[in-house]
Amino acid sequence: MLKREPIKNSRQVKVTFVIPHSAEQARVSVVGDFNNWDPGATPLVKRANNTRSASVTLDAGQRYRFRYYSADDQWFNDEAADTYESSEHGSENCVLLT
């Protein structure tokens, strides 16, 4: 799930990435254009409601590619992405429109 919240008096949007928590899954991060695809930059934190989430502040009116990455080397997409596009690695990236 993707939550977007405009930040008052700015041209930015707070985007929160939310996925279900799975005890079997190792640490998960959201990686994308906004953090140079760095798996250590934006880890998802376990919440009391049995989800994991992380928030980033992004420029409004932009397009960002992203995916989720788990510590056990698994990549996966968000079914709530605005659209998808092929990546240079033969997979598909999520696209977020702010």
PDB file of N, CA and C in Angstrom:
ATOM      1  N   MET A   1       0.842  -1.164   0.000  1.00  0.00           N
ATOM      2  CA  MET A   1       0.000   0.000   0.000  1.00  0.00           C
ATOM      3  C   MET A   1       0.890   1.230   0.000  1.00  0.00           C
ATOM      4  N   LEU A   2       0.455   2.249  -0.704  1.00  0.00           N
ATOM      5  CA  LEU A   2       1.167   3.519  -0.754  1.00  0.00           C
ATOM      6  C   LEU A   2       0.257   4.607  -0.209  1.00  0.00           C
ATOM      7  N   LYS A   3       0.756   5.351   0.761  1.00  0.00           N
ATOM      8  CA  LYS A   3      -0.006   6.480   1.307  1.00  0.00           C
ATOM      9  C   LYS A   3       0.730   7.751   0.933  1.00  0.00           C
ATOM     10  N   ARG A   4      -0.018   8.723   0.434  1.00  0.00           N
ATOM     11  CA  ARG A   4       0.577  10.007   0.060  1.00  0.00           C
ATOM     12  C   ARG A   4      -0.075  11.114   0.869  1.00  0.00           C
ATOM     13  N   GLU A   5       0.749  11.997   1.405  1.00  0.00           N
ATOM     14  CA  GLU A   5       0.243  13.108   2.186  1.00  0.00           C
ATOM     15  C   GLU A   5       1.005  14.373   1.800  1.00  0.00           C
ATOM     16  N   PRO A   6       0.316  15.323   1.146  1.00  0.00           N
ATOM     17  CA  PRO A   6       0.997  16.570   0.788  1.00  0.00           C
ATOM     18  C   PRO A   6       1.503  17.284   2.044  1.00  0.00           C
ATOM     19  N   ILE A   7       2.684  17.856   1.955  1.00  0.00           N
ATOM     20  CA  ILE A   7       3.243  18.619   3.062  1.00  0.00           C
ATOM     21  C   ILE A   7       2.855  20.077   2.856  1.00  0.00           C
ATOM     22  N   LYS A   8       2.173  20.632   3.836  1.00  0.00           N
ATOM     23  CA  LYS A   8       1.657  22.000   3.724  1.00  0.00           C
ATOM     24  C   LYS A   8       2.767  22.996   3.436  1.00  0.00           C
ATOM     25  N   ASN A   9       2.417  23.966   2.615  1.00  0.00           N
ATOM     26  CA  ASN A   9       3.318  25.066   2.263  1.00  0.00           C
ATOM     27  C   ASN A   9       4.620  24.605   1.630  1.00  0.00           C
ATOM     28  N   SER A  10       4.553  23.500   0.883  1.00  0.00           N
ATOM     29  CA  SER A  10       5.749  23.032   0.182  1.00  0.00           C
ATOM     30  C   SER A  10       5.325  22.320  -1.102  1.00  0.00           C
ATOM     31  N   ARG A  11       6.291  21.992  -1.910  1.00  0.00           N
ATOM     32  CA  ARG A  11       6.063  21.208  -3.130  1.00  0.00           C
ATOM     33  C   ARG A  11       6.543  19.781  -2.900  1.00  0.00           C
ATOM     34  N   GLN A  12       6.285  19.276  -1.701  1.00  0.00           N
ATOM     35  CA  GLN A  12       6.715  17.937  -1.358  1.00  0.00           C
ATOM     36  C   GLN A  12       5.549  17.089  -0.850  1.00  0.00           C
ATOM     37  N   VAL A  13       5.760  15.783  -0.904  1.00  0.00           N
ATOM     38  CA  VAL A  13       4.755  14.818  -0.494  1.00  0.00           C
ATOM     39  C   VAL A  13       5.429  13.797   0.424  1.00  0.00           C
ATOM     40  N   LYS A  14       4.773  13.482   1.539  1.00  0.00           N
ATOM     41  CA  LYS A  14       5.248  12.388   2.390  1.00  0.00           C
ATOM     42  C   LYS A  14       4.621  11.110   1.853  1.00  0.00           C
ATOM     43  N   VAL A  15       5.456  10.164   1.453  1.00  0.00           N
ATOM     44  CA  VAL A  15       4.986   8.887   0.926  1.00  0.00           C
ATOM     45  C   VAL A  15       5.347   7.805   1.936  1.00  0.00           C
ATOM     46  N   THR A  16       4.341   7.018   2.327  1.00  0.00           N
ATOM     47  CA  THR A  16       4.562   5.916   3.242  1.00  0.00           C
ATOM     48  C   THR A  16       4.319   4.608   2.500  1.00  0.00           C
ATOM     49  N   PHE A  17       5.316   3.748   2.533  1.00  0.00           N
ATOM     50  CA  PHE A  17       5.258   2.428   1.917  1.00  0.00           C
ATOM     51  C   PHE A  17       4.857   1.444   3.011  1.00  0.00           C
ATOM     52  N   VAL A  18       3.802   0.659   2.778  1.00  0.00           N
ATOM     53  CA  VAL A  18       3.293  -0.267   3.790  1.00  0.00           C
ATOM     54  C   VAL A  18       3.118  -1.643   3.157  1.00  0.00           C
ATOM     55  N   ILE A  19       3.667  -2.663   3.826  1.00  0.00           N
ATOM     56  CA  ILE A  19       3.472  -4.047   3.380  1.00  0.00           C
ATOM     57  C   ILE A  19       3.092  -4.894   4.593  1.00  0.00           C
ATOM     58  N   PRO A  20       2.467  -6.043   4.381  1.00  0.00           N
ATOM     59  CA  PRO A  20       2.185  -6.934   5.510  1.00  0.00           C
ATOM     60  C   PRO A  20       3.484  -7.445   6.117  1.00  0.00           C
ATOM     61  N   HIS A  21       3.493  -7.626   7.431  1.00  0.00           N
ATOM     62  CA  HIS A  21       4.660  -8.206   8.099  1.00  0.00           C
ATOM     63  C   HIS A  21       4.604  -9.721   7.968  1.00  0.00           C
ATOM     64  N   SER A  22       5.734 -10.313   7.666  1.00  0.00           N
ATOM     65  CA  SER A  22       5.844 -11.763   7.593  1.00  0.00           C
ATOM     66  C   SER A  22       7.034 -12.185   8.438  1.00  0.00           C
ATOM     67  N   ALA A  23       6.786 -13.005   9.432  1.00  0.00           N
ATOM     68  CA  ALA A  23       7.861 -13.443  10.328  1.00  0.00           C
ATOM     69  C   ALA A  23       8.923 -14.248   9.585  1.00  0.00           C
ATOM     70  N   GLU A  24       8.524 -14.910   8.499  1.00  0.00           N
ATOM     71  CA  GLU A  24       9.475 -15.727   7.743  1.00  0.00           C
ATOM     72  C   GLU A  24      10.425 -14.875   6.905  1.00  0.00           C
ATOM     73  N   GLN A  25      10.035 -13.658   6.642  1.00  0.00           N
ATOM     74  CA  GLN A  25      10.819 -12.808   5.764  1.00  0.00           C
ATOM     75  C   GLN A  25      11.851 -12.011   6.566  1.00  0.00           C
ATOM     76  N   ALA A  26      13.045 -11.978   6.053  1.00  0.00           N
ATOM     77  CA  ALA A  26      14.110 -11.209   6.692  1.00  0.00           C
ATOM     78  C   ALA A  26      13.801  -9.715   6.575  1.00  0.00           C
ATOM     79  N   ARG A  27      14.707  -8.911   7.012  1.00  0.00           N
ATOM     80  CA  ARG A  27      14.533  -7.455   6.898  1.00  0.00           C
ATOM     81  C   ARG A  27      14.152  -7.069   5.473  1.00  0.00           C
ATOM     82  N   VAL A  28      13.315  -6.037   5.360  1.00  0.00           N
ATOM     83  CA  VAL A  28      12.867  -5.551   4.056  1.00  0.00           C
ATOM     84  C   VAL A  28      13.105  -4.052   3.993  1.00  0.00           C
ATOM     85  N   SER A  29      13.554  -3.589   2.835  1.00  0.00           N
ATOM     86  CA  SER A  29      13.752  -2.164   2.586  1.00  0.00           C
ATOM     87  C   SER A  29      13.015  -1.769   1.317  1.00  0.00           C
ATOM     88  N   VAL A  30      12.677  -0.492   1.221  1.00  0.00           N
ATOM     89  CA  VAL A  30      12.183   0.030  -0.043  1.00  0.00           C
ATOM     90  C   VAL A  30      13.375   0.737  -0.689  1.00  0.00           C
ATOM     91  N   VAL A  31      13.623   0.413  -1.945  1.00  0.00           N
ATOM     92  CA  VAL A  31      14.750   0.997  -2.673  1.00  0.00           C
ATOM     93  C   VAL A  31      14.229   1.586  -3.973  1.00  0.00           C
ATOM     94  N   GLY A  32      14.853   2.656  -4.404  1.00  0.00           N
ATOM     95  CA  GLY A  32      14.397   3.282  -5.638  1.00  0.00           C
ATOM     96  C   GLY A  32      15.227   4.485  -6.017  1.00  0.00           C
ATOM     97  N   ASP A  33      14.689   5.223  -6.973  1.00  0.00           N
ATOM     98  CA  ASP A  33      15.376   6.420  -7.464  1.00  0.00           C
ATOM     99  C   ASP A  33      15.637   7.421  -6.339  1.00  0.00           C
ATOM    100  N   PHE A  34      14.753   7.467  -5.364  1.00  0.00           N
ATOM    101  CA  PHE A  34      14.819   8.458  -4.287  1.00  0.00           C
ATOM    102  C   PHE A  34      15.908   8.172  -3.257  1.00  0.00           C
ATOM    103  N   ASN A  35      16.471   6.965  -3.243  1.00  0.00           N
ATOM    104  CA  ASN A  35      17.555   6.660  -2.299  1.00  0.00           C
ATOM    105  C   ASN A  35      18.722   5.934  -2.987  1.00  0.00           C
ATOM    106  N   ASN A  36      18.870   6.166  -4.272  1.00  0.00           N
ATOM    107  CA  ASN A  36      19.961   5.588  -5.071  1.00  0.00           C
ATOM    108  C   ASN A  36      19.986   4.069  -5.013  1.00  0.00           C
ATOM    109  N   TRP A  37      18.815   3.461  -4.853  1.00  0.00           N
ATOM    110  CA  TRP A  37      18.674   2.002  -4.840  1.00  0.00           C
ATOM    111  C   TRP A  37      19.554   1.363  -3.760  1.00  0.00           C
ATOM    112  N   ASP A  38      19.695   2.053  -2.651  1.00  0.00           N
ATOM    113  CA  ASP A  38      20.527   1.590  -1.542  1.00  0.00           C
ATOM    114  C   ASP A  38      19.676   0.778  -0.560  1.00  0.00           C
ATOM    115  N   PRO A  39      19.891  -0.548  -0.445  1.00  0.00           N
ATOM    116  CA  PRO A  39      19.084  -1.385   0.442  1.00  0.00           C
ATOM    117  C   PRO A  39      19.167  -1.008   1.916  1.00  0.00           C
ATOM    118  N   GLY A  40      20.196  -0.299   2.322  1.00  0.00           N
ATOM    119  CA  GLY A  40      20.322   0.092   3.719  1.00  0.00           C
ATOM    120  C   GLY A  40      19.715   1.443   4.047  1.00  0.00           C
ATOM    121  N   ALA A  41      19.265   2.176   3.041  1.00  0.00           N
ATOM    122  CA  ALA A  41      18.827   3.553   3.251  1.00  0.00           C
ATOM    123  C   ALA A  41      17.433   3.686   3.861  1.00  0.00           C
ATOM    124  N   THR A  42      16.503   2.815   3.485  1.00  0.00           N
ATOM    125  CA  THR A  42      15.112   2.994   3.916  1.00  0.00           C
ATOM    126  C   THR A  42      14.494   1.653   4.327  1.00  0.00           C
ATOM    127  N   PRO A  43      14.887   1.139   5.496  1.00  0.00           N
ATOM    128  CA  PRO A  43      14.308  -0.128   5.959  1.00  0.00           C
ATOM    129  C   PRO A  43      12.864   0.063   6.410  1.00  0.00           C
ATOM    130  N   LEU A  44      12.052  -0.967   6.209  1.00  0.00           N
ATOM    131  CA  LEU A  44      10.686  -0.953   6.694  1.00  0.00           C
ATOM    132  C   LEU A  44      10.685  -1.451   8.136  1.00  0.00           C
ATOM    133  N   VAL A  45       9.948  -0.767   8.995  1.00  0.00           N
ATOM    134  CA  VAL A  45       9.910  -1.059  10.419  1.00  0.00           C
ATOM    135  C   VAL A  45       8.615  -1.789  10.755  1.00  0.00           C
ATOM    136  N   LYS A  46       8.702  -2.834  11.586  1.00  0.00           N
ATOM    137  CA  LYS A  46       7.522  -3.579  12.002  1.00  0.00           C
ATOM    138  C   LYS A  46       6.643  -2.700  12.882  1.00  0.00           C
ATOM    139  N   ARG A  47       5.345  -2.718  12.615  1.00  0.00           N
ATOM    140  CA  ARG A  47       4.370  -1.939  13.371  1.00  0.00           C
ATOM    141  C   ARG A  47       3.476  -2.866  14.192  1.00  0.00           C
ATOM    142  N   ALA A  48       2.790  -2.308  15.167  1.00  0.00           N
ATOM    143  CA  ALA A  48       1.913  -3.084  16.051  1.00  0.00           C
ATOM    144  C   ALA A  48       0.732  -3.694  15.308  1.00  0.00           C
ATOM    145  N   ASN A  49       0.357  -3.120  14.166  1.00  0.00           N
ATOM    146  CA  ASN A  49      -0.798  -3.629  13.401  1.00  0.00           C
ATOM    147  C   ASN A  49      -0.404  -4.733  12.415  1.00  0.00           C
ATOM    148  N   ASN A  50       0.750  -5.344  12.641  1.00  0.00           N
ATOM    149  CA  ASN A  50       1.244  -6.456  11.829  1.00  0.00           C
ATOM    150  C   ASN A  50       1.585  -6.052  10.388  1.00  0.00           C
ATOM    151  N   THR A  51       2.085  -4.837  10.238  1.00  0.00           N
ATOM    152  CA  THR A  51       2.592  -4.369   8.949  1.00  0.00           C
ATOM    153  C   THR A  51       4.031  -3.904   9.145  1.00  0.00           C
ATOM    154  N   ARG A  52       4.676  -3.582   8.037  1.00  0.00           N
ATOM    155  CA  ARG A  52       5.977  -2.921   8.035  1.00  0.00           C
ATOM    156  C   ARG A  52       5.801  -1.659   7.214  1.00  0.00           C
ATOM    157  N   SER A  53       6.480  -0.591   7.612  1.00  0.00           N
ATOM    158  CA  SER A  53       6.345   0.644   6.843  1.00  0.00           C
ATOM    159  C   SER A  53       7.598   1.501   6.953  1.00  0.00           C
ATOM    160  N   ALA A  54       7.704   2.403   5.995  1.00  0.00           N
ATOM    161  CA  ALA A  54       8.760   3.413   5.974  1.00  0.00           C
ATOM    162  C   ALA A  54       8.219   4.601   5.202  1.00  0.00           C
ATOM    163  N   SER A  55       8.633   5.797   5.608  1.00  0.00           N
ATOM    164  CA  SER A  55       8.183   7.016   4.938  1.00  0.00           C
ATOM    165  C   SER A  55       9.371   7.785   4.385  1.00  0.00           C
ATOM    166  N   VAL A  56       9.133   8.435   3.258  1.00  0.00           N
ATOM    167  CA  VAL A  56      10.130   9.321   2.648  1.00  0.00           C
ATOM    168  C   VAL A  56       9.425  10.589   2.203  1.00  0.00           C
ATOM    169  N   THR A  57      10.164  11.667   2.140  1.00  0.00           N
ATOM    170  CA  THR A  57       9.638  12.927   1.627  1.00  0.00           C
ATOM    171  C   THR A  57      10.180  13.123   0.222  1.00  0.00           C
ATOM    172  N   LEU A  58       9.257  13.298  -0.727  1.00  0.00           N
ATOM    173  CA  LEU A  58       9.630  13.401  -2.140  1.00  0.00           C
ATOM    174  C   LEU A  58       9.052  14.663  -2.754  1.00  0.00           C
ATOM    175  N   ASP A  59       9.648  15.105  -3.853  1.00  0.00           N
ATOM    176  CA  ASP A  59       9.128  16.255  -4.579  1.00  0.00           C
ATOM    177  C   ASP A  59       7.801  15.895  -5.236  1.00  0.00           C
ATOM    178  N   ALA A  60       6.842  16.811  -5.165  1.00  0.00           N
ATOM    179  CA  ALA A  60       5.539  16.601  -5.792  1.00  0.00           C
ATOM    180  C   ALA A  60       5.670  16.705  -7.314  1.00  0.00           C
ATOM    181  N   GLY A  61       4.765  16.027  -8.015  1.00  0.00           N
ATOM    182  CA  GLY A  61       4.732  16.111  -9.465  1.00  0.00           C
ATOM    183  C   GLY A  61       5.842  15.339 -10.163  1.00  0.00           C
ATOM    184  N   GLN A  62       6.431  14.365  -9.480  1.00  0.00           N
ATOM    185  CA  GLN A  62       7.545  13.608 -10.049  1.00  0.00           C
ATOM    186  C   GLN A  62       7.170  12.146 -10.216  1.00  0.00           C
ATOM    187  N   ARG A  63       8.059  11.431 -10.849  1.00  0.00           N
ATOM    188  CA  ARG A  63       7.893   9.999 -11.122  1.00  0.00           C
ATOM    189  C   ARG A  63       9.108   9.279 -10.552  1.00  0.00           C
ATOM    190  N   TYR A  64       8.859   8.270  -9.712  1.00  0.00           N
ATOM    191  CA  TYR A  64       9.946   7.543  -9.059  1.00  0.00           C
ATOM    192  C   TYR A  64       9.769   6.043  -9.285  1.00  0.00           C
ATOM    193  N   ARG A  65      10.852   5.371  -9.640  1.00  0.00           N
ATOM    194  CA  ARG A  65      10.843   3.903  -9.739  1.00  0.00           C
ATOM    195  C   ARG A  65      11.270   3.339  -8.388  1.00  0.00           C
ATOM    196  N   PHE A  66      10.671   2.202  -8.003  1.00  0.00           N
ATOM    197  CA  PHE A  66      11.048   1.580  -6.740  1.00  0.00           C
ATOM    198  C   PHE A  66      10.697   0.100  -6.737  1.00  0.00           C
ATOM    199  N   ARG A  67      11.248  -0.610  -5.772  1.00  0.00           N
ATOM    200  CA  ARG A  67      10.921  -2.013  -5.485  1.00  0.00           C
ATOM    201  C   ARG A  67      11.227  -2.262  -4.018  1.00  0.00           C
ATOM    202  N   TYR A  68      10.790  -3.404  -3.526  1.00  0.00           N
ATOM    203  CA  TYR A  68      11.144  -3.835  -2.181  1.00  0.00           C
ATOM    204  C   TYR A  68      12.259  -4.869  -2.294  1.00  0.00           C
ATOM    205  N   TYR A  69      13.152  -4.859  -1.295  1.00  0.00           N
ATOM    206  CA  TYR A  69      14.286  -5.773  -1.284  1.00  0.00           C
ATOM    207  C   TYR A  69      14.424  -6.355   0.121  1.00  0.00           C
ATOM    208  N   SER A  70      14.484  -7.676   0.200  1.00  0.00           N
ATOM    209  CA  SER A  70      14.653  -8.321   1.504  1.00  0.00           C
ATOM    210  C   SER A  70      16.105  -8.753   1.682  1.00  0.00           C
ATOM    211  N   ALA A  71      16.508  -8.891   2.930  1.00  0.00           N
ATOM    212  CA  ALA A  71      17.893  -9.240   3.256  1.00  0.00           C
ATOM    213  C   ALA A  71      18.289 -10.616   2.732  1.00  0.00           C
ATOM    214  N   ASP A  72      17.298 -11.443   2.366  1.00  0.00           N
ATOM    215  CA  ASP A  72      17.620 -12.747   1.776  1.00  0.00           C
ATOM    216  C   ASP A  72      17.647 -12.675   0.243  1.00  0.00           C
ATOM    217  N   ASP A  73      17.948 -11.490  -0.285  1.00  0.00           N
ATOM    218  CA  ASP A  73      18.154 -11.239  -1.718  1.00  0.00           C
ATOM    219  C   ASP A  73      16.908 -11.431  -2.585  1.00  0.00           C
ATOM    220  N   GLN A  74      15.734 -11.199  -2.030  1.00  0.00           N
ATOM    221  CA  GLN A  74      14.494 -11.287  -2.804  1.00  0.00           C
ATOM    222  C   GLN A  74      14.003  -9.882  -3.147  1.00  0.00           C
ATOM    223  N   TRP A  75      13.648  -9.693  -4.403  1.00  0.00           N
ATOM    224  CA  TRP A  75      13.062  -8.443  -4.876  1.00  0.00           C
ATOM    225  C   TRP A  75      11.580  -8.685  -5.105  1.00  0.00           C
ATOM    226  N   PHE A  76      10.732  -7.711  -4.743  1.00  0.00           N
ATOM    227  CA  PHE A  76       9.313  -7.847  -5.036  1.00  0.00           C
ATOM    228  C   PHE A  76       8.674  -6.478  -5.201  1.00  0.00           C
ATOM    229  N   ASN A  77       7.518  -6.481  -5.827  1.00  0.00           N
ATOM    230  CA  ASN A  77       6.828  -5.246  -6.178  1.00  0.00           C
ATOM    231  C   ASN A  77       5.639  -4.983  -5.276  1.00  0.00           C
ATOM    232  N   ASP A  78       5.138  -3.764  -5.357  1.00  0.00           N
ATOM    233  CA  ASP A  78       3.956  -3.340  -4.616  1.00  0.00           C
ATOM    234  C   ASP A  78       2.773  -3.359  -5.570  1.00  0.00           C
ATOM    235  N   GLU A  79       1.734  -4.108  -5.221  1.00  0.00           N
ATOM    236  CA  GLU A  79       0.560  -4.198  -6.095  1.00  0.00           C
ATOM    237  C   GLU A  79      -0.198  -2.876  -6.165  1.00  0.00           C
ATOM    238  N   ALA A  80       0.107  -1.929  -5.291  1.00  0.00           N
ATOM    239  CA  ALA A  80      -0.557  -0.629  -5.294  1.00  0.00           C
ATOM    240  C   ALA A  80       0.207   0.422  -6.102  1.00  0.00           C
ATOM    241  N   ALA A  81       1.267   0.023  -6.794  1.00  0.00           N
ATOM    242  CA  ALA A  81       2.040   0.983  -7.590  1.00  0.00           C
ATOM    243  C   ALA A  81       1.143   1.619  -8.654  1.00  0.00           C
ATOM    244  N   ASP A  82       1.494   2.834  -9.053  1.00  0.00           N
ATOM    245  CA  ASP A  82       0.699   3.544 -10.064  1.00  0.00           C
ATOM    246  C   ASP A  82       0.807   2.881 -11.426  1.00  0.00           C
ATOM    247  N   THR A  83       1.978   2.360 -11.721  1.00  0.00           N
ATOM    248  CA  THR A  83       2.199   1.616 -12.956  1.00  0.00           C
ATOM    249  C   THR A  83       3.495   0.828 -12.796  1.00  0.00           C
ATOM    250  N   TYR A  84       3.872   0.124 -13.830  1.00  0.00           N
ATOM    251  CA  TYR A  84       5.095  -0.685 -13.809  1.00  0.00           C
ATOM    252  C   TYR A  84       5.835  -0.469 -15.119  1.00  0.00           C
ATOM    253  N   GLU A  85       7.149  -0.688 -15.074  1.00  0.00           N
ATOM    254  CA  GLU A  85       7.938  -0.599 -16.294  1.00  0.00           C
ATOM    255  C   GLU A  85       9.070  -1.606 -16.233  1.00  0.00           C
ATOM    256  N   SER A  86       9.510  -2.033 -17.391  1.00  0.00           N
ATOM    257  CA  SER A  86      10.623  -2.988 -17.466  1.00  0.00           C
ATOM    258  C   SER A  86      11.897  -2.329 -16.968  1.00  0.00           C
ATOM    259  N   SER A  87      12.713  -3.119 -16.283  1.00  0.00           N
ATOM    260  CA  SER A  87      13.998  -2.612 -15.811  1.00  0.00           C
ATOM    261  C   SER A  87      15.110  -3.126 -16.710  1.00  0.00           C
ATOM    262  N   GLU A  88      16.273  -2.564 -16.545  1.00  0.00           N
ATOM    263  CA  GLU A  88      17.434  -2.996 -17.327  1.00  0.00           C
ATOM    264  C   GLU A  88      17.951  -4.351 -16.861  1.00  0.00           C
ATOM    265  N   HIS A  89      17.384  -4.890 -15.771  1.00  0.00           N
ATOM    266  CA  HIS A  89      17.813  -6.185 -15.234  1.00  0.00           C
ATOM    267  C   HIS A  89      16.873  -7.322 -15.630  1.00  0.00           C
ATOM    268  N   GLY A  90      15.936  -7.041 -16.526  1.00  0.00           N
ATOM    269  CA  GLY A  90      15.014  -8.074 -16.981  1.00  0.00           C
ATOM    270  C   GLY A  90      13.842  -8.302 -16.053  1.00  0.00           C
ATOM    271  N   SER A  91      13.661  -7.433 -15.084  1.00  0.00           N
ATOM    272  CA  SER A  91      12.525  -7.528 -14.162  1.00  0.00           C
ATOM    273  C   SER A  91      11.611  -6.328 -14.401  1.00  0.00           C
ATOM    274  N   GLU A  92      10.705  -6.120 -13.490  1.00  0.00           N
ATOM    275  CA  GLU A  92       9.762  -5.013 -13.617  1.00  0.00           C
ATOM    276  C   GLU A  92       9.859  -4.138 -12.375  1.00  0.00           C
ATOM    277  N   ASN A  93       9.950  -2.828 -12.565  1.00  0.00           N
ATOM    278  CA  ASN A  93       9.968  -1.874 -11.464  1.00  0.00           C
ATOM    279  C   ASN A  93       8.575  -1.307 -11.246  1.00  0.00           C
ATOM    280  N   CYS A  94       8.287  -0.969  -9.996  1.00  0.00           N
ATOM    281  CA  CYS A  94       7.088  -0.207  -9.666  1.00  0.00           C
ATOM    282  C   CYS A  94       7.354   1.248 -10.029  1.00  0.00           C
ATOM    283  N   VAL A  95       6.286   1.985 -10.327  1.00  0.00           N
ATOM    284  CA  VAL A  95       6.402   3.415 -10.575  1.00  0.00           C
ATOM    285  C   VAL A  95       5.436   4.120  -9.659  1.00  0.00           C
ATOM    286  N   LEU A  96       5.935   5.136  -8.970  1.00  0.00           N
ATOM    287  CA  LEU A  96       5.170   5.971  -8.052  1.00  0.00           C
ATOM    288  C   LEU A  96       5.082   7.365  -8.647  1.00  0.00           C
ATOM    289  N   LEU A  97       3.877   7.910  -8.731  1.00  0.00           N
ATOM    290  CA  LEU A  97       3.672   9.272  -9.214  1.00  0.00           C
ATOM    291  C   LEU A  97       3.281  10.132  -8.022  1.00  0.00           C
ATOM    292  N   THR A  98       4.020  11.213  -7.830  1.00  0.00           N
ATOM    293  CA  THR A  98       3.720  12.087  -6.696  1.00  0.00           C
ATOM    294  C   THR A  98       3.007  13.322  -7.178  1.00  0.00           C
TER     295      THR A  98
END
